[in-house]
Amino acid sequence: MKGTGSTFKKLVFVGEYMHSVGRYIVAQGRADAVPRIGATVFDKYGRRLGVVTDVFGPVRSPFLTLKGNKAQQYFARGSDLLGKVSR
């Protein structure tokens, strides 16, 4: 897997597992690293876990819903993050 190493170096921490609701996972996100809907999420080793299906809640403390495999922490590519939010 030639591209895995370079992808792993560019991953940004985007949230932590909170709980599951049906087949979805809810994670507490970070205000400074919000992934776009449809972004692929990875574990801390760079393995693909699933995709972001929704971002909701307050701007300062967003929540993410994910469809895929459970992990304690979630990471995304820097290119899959939303830009700065104006307040």
PDB file of N, CA and C in Angstrom:
ATOM      1  N   MET A   1       0.838  -1.173   0.000  1.00  0.00           N
ATOM      2  CA  MET A   1       0.000   0.000   0.000  1.00  0.00           C
ATOM      3  C   MET A   1       0.886   1.239   0.000  1.00  0.00           C
ATOM      4  N   LYS A   2       1.243   1.670  -1.147  1.00  0.00           N
ATOM      5  CA  LYS A   2       2.193   2.760  -1.303  1.00  0.00           C
ATOM      6  C   LYS A   2       1.706   4.073  -0.699  1.00  0.00           C
ATOM      7  N   GLY A   3       0.425   4.445  -0.885  1.00  0.00           N
ATOM      8  CA  GLY A   3      -0.074   5.743  -0.447  1.00  0.00           C
ATOM      9  C   GLY A   3      -0.420   5.835   1.031  1.00  0.00           C
ATOM     10  N   THR A   4      -0.488   4.730   1.743  1.00  0.00           N
ATOM     11  CA  THR A   4      -0.913   4.746   3.139  1.00  0.00           C
ATOM     12  C   THR A   4      -0.001   5.587   4.017  1.00  0.00           C
ATOM     13  N   GLY A   5       1.299   5.508   3.861  1.00  0.00           N
ATOM     14  CA  GLY A   5       2.228   6.267   4.682  1.00  0.00           C
ATOM     15  C   GLY A   5       2.055   7.756   4.526  1.00  0.00           C
ATOM     16  N   SER A   6       1.913   8.229   3.299  1.00  0.00           N
ATOM     17  CA  SER A   6       1.756   9.665   3.089  1.00  0.00           C
ATOM     18  C   SER A   6       0.402  10.156   3.589  1.00  0.00           C
ATOM     19  N   THR A   7      -0.651   9.355   3.448  1.00  0.00           N
ATOM     20  CA  THR A   7      -1.967   9.726   3.962  1.00  0.00           C
ATOM     21  C   THR A   7      -1.927   9.805   5.478  1.00  0.00           C
ATOM     22  N   PHE A   8      -1.278   8.837   6.121  1.00  0.00           N
ATOM     23  CA  PHE A   8      -1.220   8.786   7.573  1.00  0.00           C
ATOM     24  C   PHE A   8      -0.583  10.043   8.157  1.00  0.00           C
ATOM     25  N   LYS A   9       0.461  10.563   7.516  1.00  0.00           N
ATOM     26  CA  LYS A   9       1.149  11.756   8.001  1.00  0.00           C
ATOM     27  C   LYS A   9       0.268  13.001   7.914  1.00  0.00           C
ATOM     28  N   LYS A  10      -0.711  13.010   7.028  1.00  0.00           N
ATOM     29  CA  LYS A  10      -1.557  14.178   6.820  1.00  0.00           C
ATOM     30  C   LYS A  10      -2.885  14.092   7.574  1.00  0.00           C
ATOM     31  N   LEU A  11      -3.065  13.087   8.411  1.00  0.00           N
ATOM     32  CA  LEU A  11      -4.319  12.936   9.135  1.00  0.00           C
ATOM     33  C   LEU A  11      -4.390  13.902  10.315  1.00  0.00           C
ATOM     34  N   VAL A  12      -5.602  14.412  10.550  1.00  0.00           N
ATOM     35  CA  VAL A  12      -5.858  15.369  11.623  1.00  0.00           C
ATOM     36  C   VAL A  12      -6.905  14.772  12.558  1.00  0.00           C
ATOM     37  N   PHE A  13      -6.673  14.882  13.849  1.00  0.00           N
ATOM     38  CA  PHE A  13      -7.625  14.388  14.847  1.00  0.00           C
ATOM     39  C   PHE A  13      -8.907  15.209  14.751  1.00  0.00           C
ATOM     40  N   VAL A  14     -10.062  14.542  14.567  1.00  0.00           N
ATOM     41  CA  VAL A  14     -11.335  15.261  14.418  1.00  0.00           C
ATOM     42  C   VAL A  14     -12.364  14.935  15.489  1.00  0.00           C
ATOM     43  N   GLY A  15     -12.172  13.872  16.276  1.00  0.00           N
ATOM     44  CA  GLY A  15     -13.157  13.586  17.308  1.00  0.00           C
ATOM     45  C   GLY A  15     -12.928  12.286  18.042  1.00  0.00           C
ATOM     46  N   GLU A  16     -13.715  12.137  19.142  1.00  0.00           N
ATOM     47  CA  GLU A  16     -13.651  10.946  19.977  1.00  0.00           C
ATOM     48  C   GLU A  16     -15.017  10.284  20.065  1.00  0.00           C
ATOM     49  N   TYR A  17     -15.002   8.977  20.151  1.00  0.00           N
ATOM     50  CA  TYR A  17     -16.222   8.181  20.266  1.00  0.00           C
ATOM     51  C   TYR A  17     -17.019   8.593  21.501  1.00  0.00           C
ATOM     52  N   MET A  18     -18.342   8.735  21.341  1.00  0.00           N
ATOM     53  CA  MET A  18     -19.236   8.990  22.478  1.00  0.00           C
ATOM     54  C   MET A  18     -20.161   7.793  22.690  1.00  0.00           C
ATOM     55  N   HIS A  19     -20.981   7.469  21.661  1.00  0.00           N
ATOM     56  CA  HIS A  19     -21.877   6.325  21.743  1.00  0.00           C
ATOM     57  C   HIS A  19     -22.405   5.964  20.361  1.00  0.00           C
ATOM     58  N   SER A  20     -23.087   4.837  20.301  1.00  0.00           N
ATOM     59  CA  SER A  20     -23.695   4.368  19.060  1.00  0.00           C
ATOM     60  C   SER A  20     -25.201   4.543  19.136  1.00  0.00           C
ATOM     61  N   VAL A  21     -25.795   4.851  17.982  1.00  0.00           N
ATOM     62  CA  VAL A  21     -27.250   4.961  17.873  1.00  0.00           C
ATOM     63  C   VAL A  21     -27.635   4.154  16.633  1.00  0.00           C
ATOM     64  N   GLY A  22     -28.190   2.982  16.859  1.00  0.00           N
ATOM     65  CA  GLY A  22     -28.488   2.105  15.731  1.00  0.00           C
ATOM     66  C   GLY A  22     -27.205   1.730  15.020  1.00  0.00           C
ATOM     67  N   ARG A  23     -27.150   1.985  13.731  1.00  0.00           N
ATOM     68  CA  ARG A  23     -25.932   1.657  12.979  1.00  0.00           C
ATOM     69  C   ARG A  23     -25.009   2.855  12.801  1.00  0.00           C
ATOM     70  N   TYR A  24     -25.287   3.933  13.519  1.00  0.00           N
ATOM     71  CA  TYR A  24     -24.465   5.137  13.446  1.00  0.00           C
ATOM     72  C   TYR A  24     -23.646   5.327  14.714  1.00  0.00           C
ATOM     73  N   ILE A  25     -22.531   6.006  14.584  1.00  0.00           N
ATOM     74  CA  ILE A  25     -21.649   6.323  15.705  1.00  0.00           C
ATOM     75  C   ILE A  25     -21.697   7.826  15.908  1.00  0.00           C
ATOM     76  N   VAL A  26     -21.806   8.262  17.161  1.00  0.00           N
ATOM     77  CA  VAL A  26     -21.769   9.692  17.484  1.00  0.00           C
ATOM     78  C   VAL A  26     -20.421   9.978  18.124  1.00  0.00           C
ATOM     79  N   ALA A  27     -19.739  11.003  17.616  1.00  0.00           N
ATOM     80  CA  ALA A  27     -18.430  11.392  18.141  1.00  0.00           C
ATOM     81  C   ALA A  27     -18.452  12.864  18.520  1.00  0.00           C
ATOM     82  N   GLN A  28     -17.731  13.213  19.591  1.00  0.00           N
ATOM     83  CA  GLN A  28     -17.551  14.609  19.982  1.00  0.00           C
ATOM     84  C   GLN A  28     -16.458  15.172  19.090  1.00  0.00           C
ATOM     85  N   GLY A  29     -16.789  16.180  18.297  1.00  0.00           N
ATOM     86  CA  GLY A  29     -15.834  16.756  17.372  1.00  0.00           C
ATOM     87  C   GLY A  29     -15.049  17.905  17.974  1.00  0.00           C
ATOM     88  N   ARG A  30     -14.220  18.506  17.139  1.00  0.00           N
ATOM     89  CA  ARG A  30     -13.407  19.663  17.525  1.00  0.00           C
ATOM     90  C   ARG A  30     -13.809  20.853  16.679  1.00  0.00           C
ATOM     91  N   ALA A  31     -13.897  22.021  17.269  1.00  0.00           N
ATOM     92  CA  ALA A  31     -14.291  23.222  16.533  1.00  0.00           C
ATOM     93  C   ALA A  31     -13.249  23.634  15.503  1.00  0.00           C
ATOM     94  N   ASP A  32     -11.986  23.318  15.755  1.00  0.00           N
ATOM     95  CA  ASP A  32     -10.922  23.735  14.838  1.00  0.00           C
ATOM     96  C   ASP A  32     -10.586  22.689  13.776  1.00  0.00           C
ATOM     97  N   ALA A  33     -11.279  21.552  13.787  1.00  0.00           N
ATOM     98  CA  ALA A  33     -11.024  20.502  12.798  1.00  0.00           C
ATOM     99  C   ALA A  33     -12.327  19.759  12.503  1.00  0.00           C
ATOM    100  N   VAL A  34     -13.208  20.391  11.733  1.00  0.00           N
ATOM    101  CA  VAL A  34     -14.507  19.800  11.410  1.00  0.00           C
ATOM    102  C   VAL A  34     -14.451  19.204   9.999  1.00  0.00           C
ATOM    103  N   PRO A  35     -14.646  17.886   9.880  1.00  0.00           N
ATOM    104  CA  PRO A  35     -14.626  17.275   8.549  1.00  0.00           C
ATOM    105  C   PRO A  35     -15.925  17.556   7.798  1.00  0.00           C
ATOM    106  N   ARG A  36     -15.846  17.588   6.488  1.00  0.00           N
ATOM    107  CA  ARG A  36     -17.048  17.799   5.675  1.00  0.00           C
ATOM    108  C   ARG A  36     -17.863  16.507   5.657  1.00  0.00           C
ATOM    109  N   ILE A  37     -19.147  16.631   5.368  1.00  0.00           N
ATOM    110  CA  ILE A  37     -20.011  15.458   5.251  1.00  0.00           C
ATOM    111  C   ILE A  37     -19.531  14.645   4.043  1.00  0.00           C
ATOM    112  N   GLY A  38     -19.396  13.364   4.235  1.00  0.00           N
ATOM    113  CA  GLY A  38     -18.893  12.479   3.185  1.00  0.00           C
ATOM    114  C   GLY A  38     -17.400  12.210   3.287  1.00  0.00           C
ATOM    115  N   ALA A  39     -16.718  12.885   4.210  1.00  0.00           N
ATOM    116  CA  ALA A  39     -15.273  12.677   4.378  1.00  0.00           C
ATOM    117  C   ALA A  39     -15.004  11.295   4.965  1.00  0.00           C
ATOM    118  N   THR A  40     -13.939  10.685   4.527  1.00  0.00           N
ATOM    119  CA  THR A  40     -13.516   9.391   5.057  1.00  0.00           C
ATOM    120  C   THR A  40     -12.822   9.617   6.393  1.00  0.00           C
ATOM    121  N   VAL A  41     -13.123   8.769   7.378  1.00  0.00           N
ATOM    122  CA  VAL A  41     -12.455   8.840   8.674  1.00  0.00           C
ATOM    123  C   VAL A  41     -11.575   7.607   8.855  1.00  0.00           C
ATOM    124  N   PHE A  42     -10.510   7.800   9.610  1.00  0.00           N
ATOM    125  CA  PHE A  42      -9.496   6.773   9.827  1.00  0.00           C
ATOM    126  C   PHE A  42      -9.242   6.604  11.319  1.00  0.00           C
ATOM    127  N   ASP A  43      -8.602   5.486  11.695  1.00  0.00           N
ATOM    128  CA  ASP A  43      -8.166   5.325  13.078  1.00  0.00           C
ATOM    129  C   ASP A  43      -6.763   5.913  13.204  1.00  0.00           C
ATOM    130  N   LYS A  44      -6.158   5.799  14.384  1.00  0.00           N
ATOM    131  CA  LYS A  44      -4.852   6.416  14.606  1.00  0.00           C
ATOM    132  C   LYS A  44      -3.730   5.733  13.829  1.00  0.00           C
ATOM    133  N   TYR A  45      -3.997   4.572  13.247  1.00  0.00           N
ATOM    134  CA  TYR A  45      -3.007   3.871  12.444  1.00  0.00           C
ATOM    135  C   TYR A  45      -3.178   4.116  10.942  1.00  0.00           C
ATOM    136  N   GLY A  46      -4.168   4.928  10.584  1.00  0.00           N
ATOM    137  CA  GLY A  46      -4.398   5.237   9.181  1.00  0.00           C
ATOM    138  C   GLY A  46      -5.311   4.258   8.469  1.00  0.00           C
ATOM    139  N   ARG A  47      -5.973   3.362   9.202  1.00  0.00           N
ATOM    140  CA  ARG A  47      -6.900   2.414   8.583  1.00  0.00           C
ATOM    141  C   ARG A  47      -8.264   3.072   8.413  1.00  0.00           C
ATOM    142  N   ARG A  48      -8.875   2.876   7.258  1.00  0.00           N
ATOM    143  CA  ARG A  48     -10.180   3.466   6.961  1.00  0.00           C
ATOM    144  C   ARG A  48     -11.247   2.849   7.852  1.00  0.00           C
ATOM    145  N   LEU A  49     -12.046   3.724   8.505  1.00  0.00           N
ATOM    146  CA  LEU A  49     -13.114   3.251   9.380  1.00  0.00           C
ATOM    147  C   LEU A  49     -14.497   3.465   8.790  1.00  0.00           C
ATOM    148  N   GLY A  50     -14.704   4.548   8.063  1.00  0.00           N
ATOM    149  CA  GLY A  50     -16.027   4.841   7.537  1.00  0.00           C
ATOM    150  C   GLY A  50     -16.103   6.256   7.005  1.00  0.00           C
ATOM    151  N   VAL A  51     -17.324   6.831   7.033  1.00  0.00           N
ATOM    152  CA  VAL A  51     -17.537   8.189   6.501  1.00  0.00           C
ATOM    153  C   VAL A  51     -18.367   9.024   7.475  1.00  0.00           C
ATOM    154  N   VAL A  52     -18.198  10.338   7.367  1.00  0.00           N
ATOM    155  CA  VAL A  52     -18.989  11.283   8.152  1.00  0.00           C
ATOM    156  C   VAL A  52     -20.344  11.430   7.468  1.00  0.00           C
ATOM    157  N   THR A  53     -21.433  11.236   8.220  1.00  0.00           N
ATOM    158  CA  THR A  53     -22.772  11.356   7.633  1.00  0.00           C
ATOM    159  C   THR A  53     -23.472  12.649   8.039  1.00  0.00           C
ATOM    160  N   ASP A  54     -23.028  13.272   9.145  1.00  0.00           N
ATOM    161  CA  ASP A  54     -23.642  14.533   9.566  1.00  0.00           C
ATOM    162  C   ASP A  54     -22.736  15.241  10.557  1.00  0.00           C
ATOM    163  N   VAL A  55     -22.871  16.562  10.601  1.00  0.00           N
ATOM    164  CA  VAL A  55     -22.193  17.404  11.583  1.00  0.00           C
ATOM    165  C   VAL A  55     -23.287  18.277  12.175  1.00  0.00           C
ATOM    166  N   PHE A  56     -23.411  18.282  13.503  1.00  0.00           N
ATOM    167  CA  PHE A  56     -24.502  19.043  14.126  1.00  0.00           C
ATOM    168  C   PHE A  56     -24.077  19.555  15.496  1.00  0.00           C
ATOM    169  N   GLY A  57     -24.911  20.402  16.076  1.00  0.00           N
ATOM    170  CA  GLY A  57     -24.655  20.931  17.409  1.00  0.00           C
ATOM    171  C   GLY A  57     -24.011  22.306  17.355  1.00  0.00           C
ATOM    172  N   PRO A  58     -23.531  22.786  18.501  1.00  0.00           N
ATOM    173  CA  PRO A  58     -22.949  24.126  18.563  1.00  0.00           C
ATOM    174  C   PRO A  58     -21.623  24.216  17.807  1.00  0.00           C
ATOM    175  N   VAL A  59     -21.349  25.385  17.276  1.00  0.00           N
ATOM    176  CA  VAL A  59     -20.134  25.606  16.497  1.00  0.00           C
ATOM    177  C   VAL A  59     -18.889  25.358  17.348  1.00  0.00           C
ATOM    178  N   ARG A  60     -18.920  25.745  18.591  1.00  0.00           N
ATOM    179  CA  ARG A  60     -17.751  25.601  19.468  1.00  0.00           C
ATOM    180  C   ARG A  60     -17.510  24.167  19.930  1.00  0.00           C
ATOM    181  N   SER A  61     -18.513  23.319  19.806  1.00  0.00           N
ATOM    182  CA  SER A  61     -18.390  21.946  20.265  1.00  0.00           C
ATOM    183  C   SER A  61     -19.274  21.039  19.405  1.00  0.00           C
ATOM    184  N   PRO A  62     -18.896  20.832  18.129  1.00  0.00           N
ATOM    185  CA  PRO A  62     -19.759  20.070  17.222  1.00  0.00           C
ATOM    186  C   PRO A  62     -19.746  18.567  17.513  1.00  0.00           C
ATOM    187  N   PHE A  63     -20.781  17.906  17.039  1.00  0.00           N
ATOM    188  CA  PHE A  63     -20.881  16.454  17.100  1.00  0.00           C
ATOM    189  C   PHE A  63     -20.839  15.924  15.671  1.00  0.00           C
ATOM    190  N   LEU A  64     -20.330  14.714  15.513  1.00  0.00           N
ATOM    191  CA  LEU A  64     -20.253  14.062  14.205  1.00  0.00           C
ATOM    192  C   LEU A  64     -21.032  12.766  14.272  1.00  0.00           C
ATOM    193  N   THR A  65     -21.752  12.448  13.217  1.00  0.00           N
ATOM    194  CA  THR A  65     -22.294  11.097  13.107  1.00  0.00           C
ATOM    195  C   THR A  65     -21.509  10.419  11.999  1.00  0.00           C
ATOM    196  N   LEU A  66     -21.153   9.183  12.262  1.00  0.00           N
ATOM    197  CA  LEU A  66     -20.313   8.410  11.359  1.00  0.00           C
ATOM    198  C   LEU A  66     -20.996   7.089  11.050  1.00  0.00           C
ATOM    199  N   LYS A  67     -20.750   6.593   9.878  1.00  0.00           N
ATOM    200  CA  LYS A  67     -21.239   5.273   9.500  1.00  0.00           C
ATOM    201  C   LYS A  67     -20.002   4.441   9.191  1.00  0.00           C
ATOM    202  N   GLY A  68     -19.812   3.392   9.966  1.00  0.00           N
ATOM    203  CA  GLY A  68     -18.628   2.565   9.770  1.00  0.00           C
ATOM    204  C   GLY A  68     -18.260   1.841  11.043  1.00  0.00           C
ATOM    205  N   ASN A  69     -16.976   1.623  11.239  1.00  0.00           N
ATOM    206  CA  ASN A  69     -16.480   0.867  12.381  1.00  0.00           C
ATOM    207  C   ASN A  69     -16.159   1.773  13.564  1.00  0.00           C
ATOM    208  N   LYS A  70     -16.357   1.245  14.753  1.00  0.00           N
ATOM    209  CA  LYS A  70     -16.108   1.978  15.992  1.00  0.00           C
ATOM    210  C   LYS A  70     -14.612   2.030  16.308  1.00  0.00           C
ATOM    211  N   ALA A  71     -14.175   3.190  16.816  1.00  0.00           N
ATOM    212  CA  ALA A  71     -12.812   3.372  17.321  1.00  0.00           C
ATOM    213  C   ALA A  71     -12.878   4.415  18.418  1.00  0.00           C
ATOM    214  N   GLN A  72     -11.848   4.519  19.230  1.00  0.00           N
ATOM    215  CA  GLN A  72     -11.838   5.505  20.298  1.00  0.00           C
ATOM    216  C   GLN A  72     -11.618   6.918  19.766  1.00  0.00           C
ATOM    217  N   GLN A  73     -10.759   7.054  18.752  1.00  0.00           N
ATOM    218  CA  GLN A  73     -10.464   8.356  18.157  1.00  0.00           C
ATOM    219  C   GLN A  73     -10.621   8.275  16.643  1.00  0.00           C
ATOM    220  N   TYR A  74     -10.995   9.424  16.060  1.00  0.00           N
ATOM    221  CA  TYR A  74     -11.197   9.489  14.614  1.00  0.00           C
ATOM    222  C   TYR A  74     -10.324  10.578  14.015  1.00  0.00           C
ATOM    223  N   PHE A  75      -9.806  10.290  12.834  1.00  0.00           N
ATOM    224  CA  PHE A  75      -8.930  11.209  12.122  1.00  0.00           C
ATOM    225  C   PHE A  75      -9.435  11.364  10.694  1.00  0.00           C
ATOM    226  N   ALA A  76      -9.128  12.494  10.066  1.00  0.00           N
ATOM    227  CA  ALA A  76      -9.494  12.730   8.663  1.00  0.00           C
ATOM    228  C   ALA A  76      -8.337  13.422   7.966  1.00  0.00           C
ATOM    229  N   ARG A  77      -8.345  13.378   6.650  1.00  0.00           N
ATOM    230  CA  ARG A  77      -7.327  14.094   5.877  1.00  0.00           C
ATOM    231  C   ARG A  77      -7.523  15.596   6.058  1.00  0.00           C
ATOM    232  N   GLY A  78      -6.437  16.333   6.080  1.00  0.00           N
ATOM    233  CA  GLY A  78      -6.504  17.786   6.194  1.00  0.00           C
ATOM    234  C   GLY A  78      -7.298  18.410   5.063  1.00  0.00           C
ATOM    235  N   SER A  79      -7.266  17.799   3.897  1.00  0.00           N
ATOM    236  CA  SER A  79      -7.988  18.324   2.735  1.00  0.00           C
ATOM    237  C   SER A  79      -9.498  18.108   2.844  1.00  0.00           C
ATOM    238  N   ASP A  80      -9.948  17.258   3.788  1.00  0.00           N
ATOM    239  CA  ASP A  80     -11.374  16.986   3.987  1.00  0.00           C
ATOM    240  C   ASP A  80     -12.005  17.829   5.091  1.00  0.00           C
ATOM    241  N   LEU A  81     -11.250  18.797   5.621  1.00  0.00           N
ATOM    242  CA  LEU A  81     -11.776  19.656   6.697  1.00  0.00           C
ATOM    243  C   LEU A  81     -12.456  20.874   6.119  1.00  0.00           C
ATOM    244  N   LEU A  82     -13.464  21.369   6.853  1.00  0.00           N
ATOM    245  CA  LEU A  82     -14.126  22.613   6.471  1.00  0.00           C
ATOM    246  C   LEU A  82     -13.198  23.780   6.815  1.00  0.00           C
ATOM    247  N   GLY A  83     -13.411  24.899   6.156  1.00  0.00           N
ATOM    248  CA  GLY A  83     -12.598  26.091   6.449  1.00  0.00           C
ATOM    249  C   GLY A  83     -12.983  26.703   7.779  1.00  0.00           C
ATOM    250  N   LYS A  84     -12.336  27.795   8.122  1.00  0.00           N
ATOM    251  CA  LYS A  84     -12.614  28.511   9.371  1.00  0.00           C
ATOM    252  C   LYS A  84     -14.048  29.032   9.353  1.00  0.00           C
ATOM    253  N   VAL A  85     -14.719  28.979  10.508  1.00  0.00           N
ATOM    254  CA  VAL A  85     -16.085  29.459  10.638  1.00  0.00           C
ATOM    255  C   VAL A  85     -16.041  30.854  11.224  1.00  0.00           C
ATOM    256  N   SER A  86     -16.714  31.814  10.588  1.00  0.00           N
ATOM    257  CA  SER A  86     -16.780  33.181  11.122  1.00  0.00           C
ATOM    258  C   SER A  86     -17.820  33.242  12.232  1.00  0.00           C
ATOM    259  N   ARG A  87     -17.530  34.004  13.250  1.00  0.00           N
ATOM    260  CA  ARG A  87     -18.483  34.150  14.366  1.00  0.00           C
ATOM    261  C   ARG A  87     -18.901  35.575  14.499  1.00  0.00           C
TER     262      ARG A  87
END
